[in-house]
């Protein structure tokens, strides 16, 4: 990756320039049997559409605080980088009542209603499906995002020295986030082409780093597994082999 990258959006831009066709996020949900693989180009397209939704439809601006109430999921990874692209602070699992906007999964809708700003809901159904019935007071991400533009340009430049992520009592600027991700990648021996398997939840820095930021910083990819405890030892060994995993987290 480019040594001058100072935000997650910068890291994605470098990954896109280097090899847009390689896998970036391979997602499994062992409760549903779902598997989704996103190349760098596909992931970047989702990020661009989501960032356009944030900036244009939701009127999000640099310095706004977004309560992100989602599990470890490929769409969560998209939202993390999209917020970075706009300059919005992600408060992972944060209090919706003190946030400018909230992004919620299906299990946290009541909590998310405490937000007085914009509210977006994700069904987290396979293939990014819509809610069978739209939750009252929310926009359905699966309905709103497809029509968004495939390219994104922020109205205001993102300052790498402003807060970008709050998780588990830790608050990081974009530049600090990238620095920590690079250090984690080095600690796990990740480099270009590495594939790390992570079943960690996204509610801690460790989970976010190994489940997205460290492989992105290293030029590698992640096999992100939700409900991994439902997979037996044989199944895990088979996945490790079939997905060409080179490292595991933690």
C-alpha atoms as a PDB file:
ATOM      1  CA  UNK A   1       0.000   0.000   0.000  1.00  0.00           C
ATOM      2  CA  UNK A   2       1.016   3.606  -0.466  1.00  0.00           C
ATOM      3  CA  UNK A   3       3.042   4.987   2.443  1.00  0.00           C
ATOM      4  CA  UNK A   4       1.237   8.313   2.102  1.00  0.00           C
ATOM      5  CA  UNK A   5      -2.206   6.805   2.774  1.00  0.00           C
ATOM      6  CA  UNK A   6      -3.666   8.413   5.907  1.00  0.00           C
ATOM      7  CA  UNK A   7      -7.335   7.410   5.869  1.00  0.00           C
ATOM      8  CA  UNK A   8      -9.179   4.121   5.278  1.00  0.00           C
ATOM      9  CA  UNK A   9     -10.527   5.661   2.071  1.00  0.00           C
ATOM     10  CA  UNK A  10      -6.924   6.271   0.970  1.00  0.00           C
ATOM     11  CA  UNK A  11      -6.096   2.621   1.654  1.00  0.00           C
ATOM     12  CA  UNK A  12      -9.019   1.487  -0.469  1.00  0.00           C
ATOM     13  CA  UNK A  13      -7.967   3.826  -3.268  1.00  0.00           C
ATOM     14  CA  UNK A  14      -4.475   2.332  -3.269  1.00  0.00           C
ATOM     15  CA  UNK A  15      -5.895  -1.209  -3.260  1.00  0.00           C
ATOM     16  CA  UNK A  16      -8.108  -0.297  -6.216  1.00  0.00           C
ATOM     17  CA  UNK A  17      -5.157   1.111  -8.155  1.00  0.00           C
ATOM     18  CA  UNK A  18      -2.989  -1.925  -7.411  1.00  0.00           C
ATOM     19  CA  UNK A  19      -5.363  -4.780  -8.290  1.00  0.00           C
ATOM     20  CA  UNK A  20      -9.105  -4.127  -8.524  1.00  0.00           C
ATOM     21  CA  UNK A  21     -10.021  -7.723  -9.324  1.00  0.00           C
ATOM     22  CA  UNK A  22      -8.518  -9.465  -6.303  1.00  0.00           C
ATOM     23  CA  UNK A  23     -10.734 -10.518  -3.370  1.00  0.00           C
ATOM     24  CA  UNK A  24     -10.933  -8.085  -0.464  1.00  0.00           C
ATOM     25  CA  UNK A  25     -13.763  -9.358   1.768  1.00  0.00           C
ATOM     26  CA  UNK A  26     -15.089 -12.913   1.763  1.00  0.00           C
ATOM     27  CA  UNK A  27     -18.010 -13.142   4.162  1.00  0.00           C
ATOM     28  CA  UNK A  28     -19.553 -16.232   5.761  1.00  0.00           C
ATOM     29  CA  UNK A  29     -22.562 -16.473   8.049  1.00  0.00           C
ATOM     30  CA  UNK A  30     -22.519 -19.932   9.569  1.00  0.00           C
ATOM     31  CA  UNK A  31     -26.041 -19.514  10.902  1.00  0.00           C
ATOM     32  CA  UNK A  32     -27.532 -19.087   7.419  1.00  0.00           C
ATOM     33  CA  UNK A  33     -24.956 -20.706   5.124  1.00  0.00           C
ATOM     34  CA  UNK A  34     -24.394 -17.408   3.317  1.00  0.00           C
ATOM     35  CA  UNK A  35     -21.143 -16.755   1.472  1.00  0.00           C
ATOM     36  CA  UNK A  36     -20.379 -13.483  -0.309  1.00  0.00           C
ATOM     37  CA  UNK A  37     -17.094 -12.566  -1.950  1.00  0.00           C
ATOM     38  CA  UNK A  38     -16.321  -8.969  -2.852  1.00  0.00           C
ATOM     39  CA  UNK A  39     -13.394  -7.978  -5.012  1.00  0.00           C
ATOM     40  CA  UNK A  40     -11.654  -4.683  -4.355  1.00  0.00           C
ATOM     41  CA  UNK A  41     -13.598  -3.132  -7.248  1.00  0.00           C
ATOM     42  CA  UNK A  42     -16.968  -4.423  -6.048  1.00  0.00           C
ATOM     43  CA  UNK A  43     -16.296  -3.351  -2.482  1.00  0.00           C
ATOM     44  CA  UNK A  44     -15.194   0.096  -3.680  1.00  0.00           C
ATOM     45  CA  UNK A  45     -18.401   0.417  -5.710  1.00  0.00           C
ATOM     46  CA  UNK A  46     -20.518  -0.330  -2.628  1.00  0.00           C
ATOM     47  CA  UNK A  47     -18.460   2.197  -0.660  1.00  0.00           C
ATOM     48  CA  UNK A  48     -18.951   4.886  -3.308  1.00  0.00           C
ATOM     49  CA  UNK A  49     -22.711   4.323  -3.444  1.00  0.00           C
ATOM     50  CA  UNK A  50     -22.962   4.349   0.351  1.00  0.00           C
ATOM     51  CA  UNK A  51     -20.830   7.483   0.658  1.00  0.00           C
ATOM     52  CA  UNK A  52     -23.053   9.231  -1.890  1.00  0.00           C
ATOM     53  CA  UNK A  53     -26.108   8.165   0.126  1.00  0.00           C
ATOM     54  CA  UNK A  54     -24.500   9.583   3.254  1.00  0.00           C
ATOM     55  CA  UNK A  55     -23.441  12.871   1.715  1.00  0.00           C
ATOM     56  CA  UNK A  56     -26.417  13.620  -0.523  1.00  0.00           C
ATOM     57  CA  UNK A  57     -29.538  11.900   0.815  1.00  0.00           C
ATOM     58  CA  UNK A  58     -28.643  11.868   4.518  1.00  0.00           C
ATOM     59  CA  UNK A  59     -26.855  15.261   4.456  1.00  0.00           C
ATOM     60  CA  UNK A  60     -23.950  13.887   6.483  1.00  0.00           C
ATOM     61  CA  UNK A  61     -20.909  16.146   6.743  1.00  0.00           C
ATOM     62  CA  UNK A  62     -17.380  15.966   8.196  1.00  0.00           C
ATOM     63  CA  UNK A  63     -17.511  15.897  11.983  1.00  0.00           C
ATOM     64  CA  UNK A  64     -20.957  14.303  12.186  1.00  0.00           C
ATOM     65  CA  UNK A  65     -21.277  11.318  14.510  1.00  0.00           C
ATOM     66  CA  UNK A  66     -22.779   8.060  13.232  1.00  0.00           C
ATOM     67  CA  UNK A  67     -23.902   5.376  15.685  1.00  0.00           C
ATOM     68  CA  UNK A  68     -23.197   2.122  13.859  1.00  0.00           C
ATOM     69  CA  UNK A  69     -25.277  -0.689  15.351  1.00  0.00           C
ATOM     70  CA  UNK A  70     -24.279  -3.603  13.146  1.00  0.00           C
ATOM     71  CA  UNK A  71     -22.528  -6.967  13.613  1.00  0.00           C
ATOM     72  CA  UNK A  72     -19.413  -8.153  11.810  1.00  0.00           C
ATOM     73  CA  UNK A  73     -20.750  -8.281   8.242  1.00  0.00           C
ATOM     74  CA  UNK A  74     -19.608  -7.308   4.774  1.00  0.00           C
ATOM     75  CA  UNK A  75     -22.107  -4.448   4.687  1.00  0.00           C
ATOM     76  CA  UNK A  76     -20.734  -3.157   7.988  1.00  0.00           C
ATOM     77  CA  UNK A  77     -17.278  -3.050   6.430  1.00  0.00           C
ATOM     78  CA  UNK A  78     -18.742  -0.999   3.583  1.00  0.00           C
ATOM     79  CA  UNK A  79     -20.274   1.506   6.002  1.00  0.00           C
ATOM     80  CA  UNK A  80     -17.004   1.868   7.912  1.00  0.00           C
ATOM     81  CA  UNK A  81     -15.069   2.947   4.827  1.00  0.00           C
ATOM     82  CA  UNK A  82     -17.965   4.998   3.441  1.00  0.00           C
ATOM     83  CA  UNK A  83     -18.110   7.057   6.638  1.00  0.00           C
ATOM     84  CA  UNK A  84     -14.355   7.566   6.391  1.00  0.00           C
ATOM     85  CA  UNK A  85     -14.798   8.773   2.811  1.00  0.00           C
ATOM     86  CA  UNK A  86     -17.206  11.507   3.948  1.00  0.00           C
ATOM     87  CA  UNK A  87     -15.357  12.380   7.173  1.00  0.00           C
ATOM     88  CA  UNK A  88     -18.090  11.094   9.468  1.00  0.00           C
ATOM     89  CA  UNK A  89     -17.025   9.714  12.855  1.00  0.00           C
ATOM     90  CA  UNK A  90     -18.143   6.110  13.340  1.00  0.00           C
ATOM     91  CA  UNK A  91     -19.228   5.467  16.919  1.00  0.00           C
ATOM     92  CA  UNK A  92     -19.361   1.689  16.824  1.00  0.00           C
ATOM     93  CA  UNK A  93     -22.162   0.465  19.071  1.00  0.00           C
ATOM     94  CA  UNK A  94     -22.538   4.050  20.289  1.00  0.00           C
ATOM     95  CA  UNK A  95     -25.518   5.800  21.841  1.00  0.00           C
ATOM     96  CA  UNK A  96     -27.993   6.723  19.080  1.00  0.00           C
ATOM     97  CA  UNK A  97     -29.452   9.498  21.247  1.00  0.00           C
ATOM     98  CA  UNK A  98     -26.186  11.429  21.023  1.00  0.00           C
ATOM     99  CA  UNK A  99     -25.538  10.714  17.347  1.00  0.00           C
ATOM    100  CA  UNK A 100     -26.354  12.746  14.248  1.00  0.00           C
ATOM    101  CA  UNK A 101     -27.462   9.616  12.429  1.00  0.00           C
ATOM    102  CA  UNK A 102     -27.812   5.920  13.128  1.00  0.00           C
ATOM    103  CA  UNK A 103     -27.277   2.812  11.019  1.00  0.00           C
ATOM    104  CA  UNK A 104     -29.039  -0.215  12.480  1.00  0.00           C
ATOM    105  CA  UNK A 105     -29.389  -3.914  11.877  1.00  0.00           C
ATOM    106  CA  UNK A 106     -32.686  -5.737  12.403  1.00  0.00           C
ATOM    107  CA  UNK A 107     -31.962  -6.558  16.048  1.00  0.00           C
ATOM    108  CA  UNK A 108     -31.288  -3.002  17.267  1.00  0.00           C
ATOM    109  CA  UNK A 109     -34.170  -1.046  15.745  1.00  0.00           C
ATOM    110  CA  UNK A 110     -35.771  -0.068  19.052  1.00  0.00           C
ATOM    111  CA  UNK A 111     -32.480   1.238  20.385  1.00  0.00           C
ATOM    112  CA  UNK A 112     -31.853   3.079  17.123  1.00  0.00           C
ATOM    113  CA  UNK A 113     -35.161   4.956  17.402  1.00  0.00           C
ATOM    114  CA  UNK A 114     -33.528   7.081  20.113  1.00  0.00           C
ATOM    115  CA  UNK A 115     -31.674   8.964  17.381  1.00  0.00           C
ATOM    116  CA  UNK A 116     -33.391  12.216  16.413  1.00  0.00           C
ATOM    117  CA  UNK A 117     -31.477  12.400  13.147  1.00  0.00           C
ATOM    118  CA  UNK A 118     -31.500  10.251  10.034  1.00  0.00           C
ATOM    119  CA  UNK A 119     -32.043   6.529  10.533  1.00  0.00           C
ATOM    120  CA  UNK A 120     -31.083   3.781   8.105  1.00  0.00           C
ATOM    121  CA  UNK A 121     -31.856   0.091   8.606  1.00  0.00           C
ATOM    122  CA  UNK A 122     -30.176  -2.961   7.082  1.00  0.00           C
ATOM    123  CA  UNK A 123     -32.003  -6.283   6.946  1.00  0.00           C
ATOM    124  CA  UNK A 124     -28.675  -8.192   6.708  1.00  0.00           C
ATOM    125  CA  UNK A 125     -30.531 -10.748   4.594  1.00  0.00           C
ATOM    126  CA  UNK A 126     -28.512 -12.766   2.046  1.00  0.00           C
ATOM    127  CA  UNK A 127     -27.507 -10.850  -1.069  1.00  0.00           C
ATOM    128  CA  UNK A 128     -28.292  -7.562   0.644  1.00  0.00           C
ATOM    129  CA  UNK A 129     -32.039  -8.127   0.443  1.00  0.00           C
ATOM    130  CA  UNK A 130     -34.721  -5.655   1.490  1.00  0.00           C
ATOM    131  CA  UNK A 131     -36.879  -5.803   4.591  1.00  0.00           C
ATOM    132  CA  UNK A 132     -40.124  -7.690   3.869  1.00  0.00           C
ATOM    133  CA  UNK A 133     -41.800  -4.776   5.658  1.00  0.00           C
ATOM    134  CA  UNK A 134     -40.010  -1.456   6.092  1.00  0.00           C
ATOM    135  CA  UNK A 135     -39.460  -0.561   9.769  1.00  0.00           C
ATOM    136  CA  UNK A 136     -41.324   2.626  10.612  1.00  0.00           C
ATOM    137  CA  UNK A 137     -39.091   5.667  10.854  1.00  0.00           C
ATOM    138  CA  UNK A 138     -36.197   4.154   8.865  1.00  0.00           C
ATOM    139  CA  UNK A 139     -34.901   4.229   5.319  1.00  0.00           C
ATOM    140  CA  UNK A 140     -34.148   0.758   3.931  1.00  0.00           C
ATOM    141  CA  UNK A 141     -30.512   0.645   2.832  1.00  0.00           C
ATOM    142  CA  UNK A 142     -31.254  -2.025   0.224  1.00  0.00           C
ATOM    143  CA  UNK A 143     -33.850   0.264  -1.368  1.00  0.00           C
ATOM    144  CA  UNK A 144     -31.876   3.504  -1.213  1.00  0.00           C
ATOM    145  CA  UNK A 145     -28.343   2.501  -2.177  1.00  0.00           C
ATOM    146  CA  UNK A 146     -28.689   0.916  -5.675  1.00  0.00           C
ATOM    147  CA  UNK A 147     -29.599   4.206  -7.385  1.00  0.00           C
ATOM    148  CA  UNK A 148     -26.616   6.076  -5.928  1.00  0.00           C
ATOM    149  CA  UNK A 149     -23.655   7.083  -8.092  1.00  0.00           C
ATOM    150  CA  UNK A 150     -20.782   4.678  -8.698  1.00  0.00           C
ATOM    151  CA  UNK A 151     -18.157   7.355  -8.092  1.00  0.00           C
ATOM    152  CA  UNK A 152     -17.744   9.487  -5.015  1.00  0.00           C
ATOM    153  CA  UNK A 153     -16.112  12.854  -4.419  1.00  0.00           C
ATOM    154  CA  UNK A 154     -16.443  14.527  -1.000  1.00  0.00           C
ATOM    155  CA  UNK A 155     -17.747  18.076  -0.905  1.00  0.00           C
ATOM    156  CA  UNK A 156     -15.114  18.832   1.747  1.00  0.00           C
ATOM    157  CA  UNK A 157     -11.649  17.236   1.993  1.00  0.00           C
ATOM    158  CA  UNK A 158     -11.338  14.739   4.836  1.00  0.00           C
ATOM    159  CA  UNK A 159      -8.797  15.805   7.468  1.00  0.00           C
ATOM    160  CA  UNK A 160      -6.780  12.730   8.572  1.00  0.00           C
ATOM    161  CA  UNK A 161      -6.202  14.337  11.972  1.00  0.00           C
ATOM    162  CA  UNK A 162      -9.897  14.517  12.924  1.00  0.00           C
ATOM    163  CA  UNK A 163     -11.654  11.735  14.896  1.00  0.00           C
ATOM    164  CA  UNK A 164     -12.779   8.876  12.643  1.00  0.00           C
ATOM    165  CA  UNK A 165     -13.599   5.914  14.891  1.00  0.00           C
ATOM    166  CA  UNK A 166     -14.799   5.339  18.439  1.00  0.00           C
ATOM    167  CA  UNK A 167     -14.955   1.737  19.639  1.00  0.00           C
ATOM    168  CA  UNK A 168     -14.620   0.083  23.032  1.00  0.00           C
ATOM    169  CA  UNK A 169     -13.620   3.304  24.797  1.00  0.00           C
ATOM    170  CA  UNK A 170     -10.968   4.073  22.165  1.00  0.00           C
ATOM    171  CA  UNK A 171     -11.162   7.084  19.834  1.00  0.00           C
ATOM    172  CA  UNK A 172      -8.871   7.338  16.831  1.00  0.00           C
ATOM    173  CA  UNK A 173      -8.268   9.834  14.070  1.00  0.00           C
ATOM    174  CA  UNK A 174      -8.040   8.489  10.527  1.00  0.00           C
ATOM    175  CA  UNK A 175      -4.248   8.777  10.616  1.00  0.00           C
ATOM    176  CA  UNK A 176      -4.033   6.927  13.940  1.00  0.00           C
ATOM    177  CA  UNK A 177      -6.377   4.239  12.646  1.00  0.00           C
ATOM    178  CA  UNK A 178      -4.201   3.628   9.576  1.00  0.00           C
ATOM    179  CA  UNK A 179      -1.043   3.563  11.716  1.00  0.00           C
ATOM    180  CA  UNK A 180      -2.541   1.007  14.117  1.00  0.00           C
ATOM    181  CA  UNK A 181      -3.821  -1.125  11.235  1.00  0.00           C
ATOM    182  CA  UNK A 182      -0.355  -1.218   9.683  1.00  0.00           C
ATOM    183  CA  UNK A 183       1.168  -2.216  13.024  1.00  0.00           C
ATOM    184  CA  UNK A 184      -1.395  -5.010  13.464  1.00  0.00           C
ATOM    185  CA  UNK A 185      -0.735  -6.239   9.935  1.00  0.00           C
ATOM    186  CA  UNK A 186       3.000  -6.377  10.635  1.00  0.00           C
ATOM    187  CA  UNK A 187       2.401  -8.191  13.933  1.00  0.00           C
ATOM    188  CA  UNK A 188       0.408 -10.917  12.150  1.00  0.00           C
ATOM    189  CA  UNK A 189       2.817 -11.102   9.225  1.00  0.00           C
ATOM    190  CA  UNK A 190       0.271  -9.820   6.724  1.00  0.00           C
ATOM    191  CA  UNK A 191       1.421  -8.587   3.348  1.00  0.00           C
ATOM    192  CA  UNK A 192       0.233  -8.382  -0.241  1.00  0.00           C
ATOM    193  CA  UNK A 193      -1.796 -11.499  -1.029  1.00  0.00           C
ATOM    194  CA  UNK A 194      -2.280 -12.533   2.603  1.00  0.00           C
ATOM    195  CA  UNK A 195      -5.685 -13.898   3.604  1.00  0.00           C
ATOM    196  CA  UNK A 196      -6.615 -13.660   7.257  1.00  0.00           C
ATOM    197  CA  UNK A 197      -9.586 -15.521   8.712  1.00  0.00           C
ATOM    198  CA  UNK A 198     -11.406 -13.656  11.477  1.00  0.00           C
ATOM    199  CA  UNK A 199     -14.371 -14.710  13.546  1.00  0.00           C
ATOM    200  CA  UNK A 200     -13.978 -11.798  15.951  1.00  0.00           C
ATOM    201  CA  UNK A 201     -16.951  -9.490  16.522  1.00  0.00           C
ATOM    202  CA  UNK A 202     -16.621  -5.932  15.320  1.00  0.00           C
ATOM    203  CA  UNK A 203     -17.270  -4.439  18.771  1.00  0.00           C
ATOM    204  CA  UNK A 204     -13.569  -4.009  19.591  1.00  0.00           C
ATOM    205  CA  UNK A 205     -10.564  -2.485  17.840  1.00  0.00           C
ATOM    206  CA  UNK A 206      -9.051  -5.959  17.476  1.00  0.00           C
ATOM    207  CA  UNK A 207     -12.153  -7.223  15.691  1.00  0.00           C
ATOM    208  CA  UNK A 208     -12.323  -4.214  13.371  1.00  0.00           C
ATOM    209  CA  UNK A 209      -8.616  -4.290  12.648  1.00  0.00           C
ATOM    210  CA  UNK A 210      -8.250  -7.961  11.764  1.00  0.00           C
ATOM    211  CA  UNK A 211     -11.716  -8.066  10.211  1.00  0.00           C
ATOM    212  CA  UNK A 212     -11.043  -5.153   7.833  1.00  0.00           C
ATOM    213  CA  UNK A 213      -8.406  -2.507   8.449  1.00  0.00           C
ATOM    214  CA  UNK A 214      -5.212  -4.584   8.850  1.00  0.00           C
ATOM    215  CA  UNK A 215      -5.675  -6.684   5.700  1.00  0.00           C
ATOM    216  CA  UNK A 216      -6.696  -3.556   3.792  1.00  0.00           C
ATOM    217  CA  UNK A 217      -3.565  -1.758   4.980  1.00  0.00           C
ATOM    218  CA  UNK A 218      -1.366  -4.723   4.050  1.00  0.00           C
ATOM    219  CA  UNK A 219      -2.739  -5.301   0.564  1.00  0.00           C
ATOM    220  CA  UNK A 220      -4.321  -8.552   1.691  1.00  0.00           C
ATOM    221  CA  UNK A 221      -7.876  -9.748   2.232  1.00  0.00           C
ATOM    222  CA  UNK A 222     -10.115 -11.050   5.004  1.00  0.00           C
ATOM    223  CA  UNK A 223     -12.305 -14.130   5.331  1.00  0.00           C
ATOM    224  CA  UNK A 224     -14.853 -12.625   7.714  1.00  0.00           C
ATOM    225  CA  UNK A 225     -16.909 -15.218   9.568  1.00  0.00           C
ATOM    226  CA  UNK A 226     -20.073 -14.508  11.547  1.00  0.00           C
ATOM    227  CA  UNK A 227     -21.340 -17.222  13.922  1.00  0.00           C
ATOM    228  CA  UNK A 228     -18.088 -19.116  13.453  1.00  0.00           C
ATOM    229  CA  UNK A 229     -18.764 -21.072  16.661  1.00  0.00           C
ATOM    230  CA  UNK A 230     -21.334 -23.079  14.674  1.00  0.00           C
ATOM    231  CA  UNK A 231     -18.603 -24.527  12.493  1.00  0.00           C
ATOM    232  CA  UNK A 232     -16.930 -27.694  13.731  1.00  0.00           C
ATOM    233  CA  UNK A 233     -13.197 -28.342  13.647  1.00  0.00           C
ATOM    234  CA  UNK A 234     -13.366 -30.254  10.370  1.00  0.00           C
ATOM    235  CA  UNK A 235     -15.435 -27.540   8.725  1.00  0.00           C
ATOM    236  CA  UNK A 236     -13.003 -24.866   9.869  1.00  0.00           C
ATOM    237  CA  UNK A 237     -10.049 -26.831   8.483  1.00  0.00           C
ATOM    238  CA  UNK A 238     -11.840 -27.239   5.152  1.00  0.00           C
ATOM    239  CA  UNK A 239     -12.620 -23.531   4.974  1.00  0.00           C
ATOM    240  CA  UNK A 240      -9.050 -22.610   5.819  1.00  0.00           C
ATOM    241  CA  UNK A 241      -7.838 -24.774   2.949  1.00  0.00           C
ATOM    242  CA  UNK A 242     -10.482 -23.815   0.382  1.00  0.00           C
ATOM    243  CA  UNK A 243     -10.104 -20.084   1.065  1.00  0.00           C
ATOM    244  CA  UNK A 244      -6.298 -20.270   1.018  1.00  0.00           C
ATOM    245  CA  UNK A 245      -6.077 -18.715   4.474  1.00  0.00           C
ATOM    246  CA  UNK A 246      -2.545 -17.674   5.467  1.00  0.00           C
ATOM    247  CA  UNK A 247      -3.254 -16.287   8.959  1.00  0.00           C
ATOM    248  CA  UNK A 248      -5.966 -16.357  11.606  1.00  0.00           C
ATOM    249  CA  UNK A 249      -7.075 -13.778  14.161  1.00  0.00           C
ATOM    250  CA  UNK A 250      -6.254 -13.136  16.893  1.00  0.00           C
END
